[in-house]
């Protein structure tokens, strides 16, 4: 009988530990989704909606396993948004570099400004254009 009592105590302890771990993981997931929602708010309407749905599901304590497809969709949307931002940043850097070069060659620009611009370009504060072969998704 004492062996059964010991096994029951061990099982209860294991269950309590698993329950605490599960609650901690859900709390972390809730924080992540909330912070991601705030960071991405207004950048993509579909992403905003999916994150709102995930937050709602987490608040309702729905089974995490059933939320995996939504998490995968959010991951895809975040990746797409990140790729788009990278592409836009590269285009902006190219434009800055091109404009800097044009300014440097402008004949009416005072010599001091030309020197300052040349120094900035030499210091790589204004980076040269970045070329990637990464396709835009």
Foldseek 3Di string as FASTA:
>chain_A
DVVVVVVVVVVVVVVVVVVVVVVVVLVVVLVVLVVVLVVCPPVDPVLNVLSVVVNVCSVVVHDVVVCVVSVVVNVVVVVLSVLVVVVVVLVVLQVVVVVLVVVLPDPVDDPVVNVVSVVCVVVCVSPHHDDDPDDRD
